[in-house]
Amino acid sequence: MASHPHDLLITRSLQAPRAALWRAWADPTLLARWWCPQPWRTEVRAFELWPGGAFHTFMSGPDGASSDNPGSFLEVVPETRLVFTSMLTGGWRPATPWLGFTAVISLADEAAGCRYSAQVMHPDAASRERHEQLGFFEGWNLVISQLDELALSLR
């Protein structure tokens, strides 16, 4: 996966099989269980898993902090690739997000598990830097581990 200077990239080998990881991604009830670092909680407000469909999560922390994240799915290739963005909402409606990005999630069989890649593209260097300073690598790696753990339990 090629990377651009405005991208953040995580590639990991996960233990869960690709089908189970996809199931945890494609079922909004399961997504709510792993989507944000615990003890934060996720409310899935919209989940239309098709290109142009709404993807809206609301995360709340134990201290009362929250993060509202409306967006849209751009590409859905079951068990292989998922692309979503905060730059549009459902029905291709333009958005003015608090943090603009497009994420490309790729899944590929690897040994008994899966090669999982998350490429997060930003419109400029400042947005990329802000996302990294907000704890991108720590937070996204934590939720990827939560996803793997949940997907392993789905076998």
Foldseek 3Di string as FASTA:
>chain_A
DDADLQKDKDKDWFQFALQLLLVCVQDVVSCQQQVWFPPKTKDFPFDDPAALGKTWIKIADPVGDIDTQIWGWHHDDRSAKTKIWSQAGHNRHGDDDPQTWMWIWGWDDDDNHIIIMIMIGGPDNVSSVVCVVVPVVNTVVRSVVVSSVSSVVVD
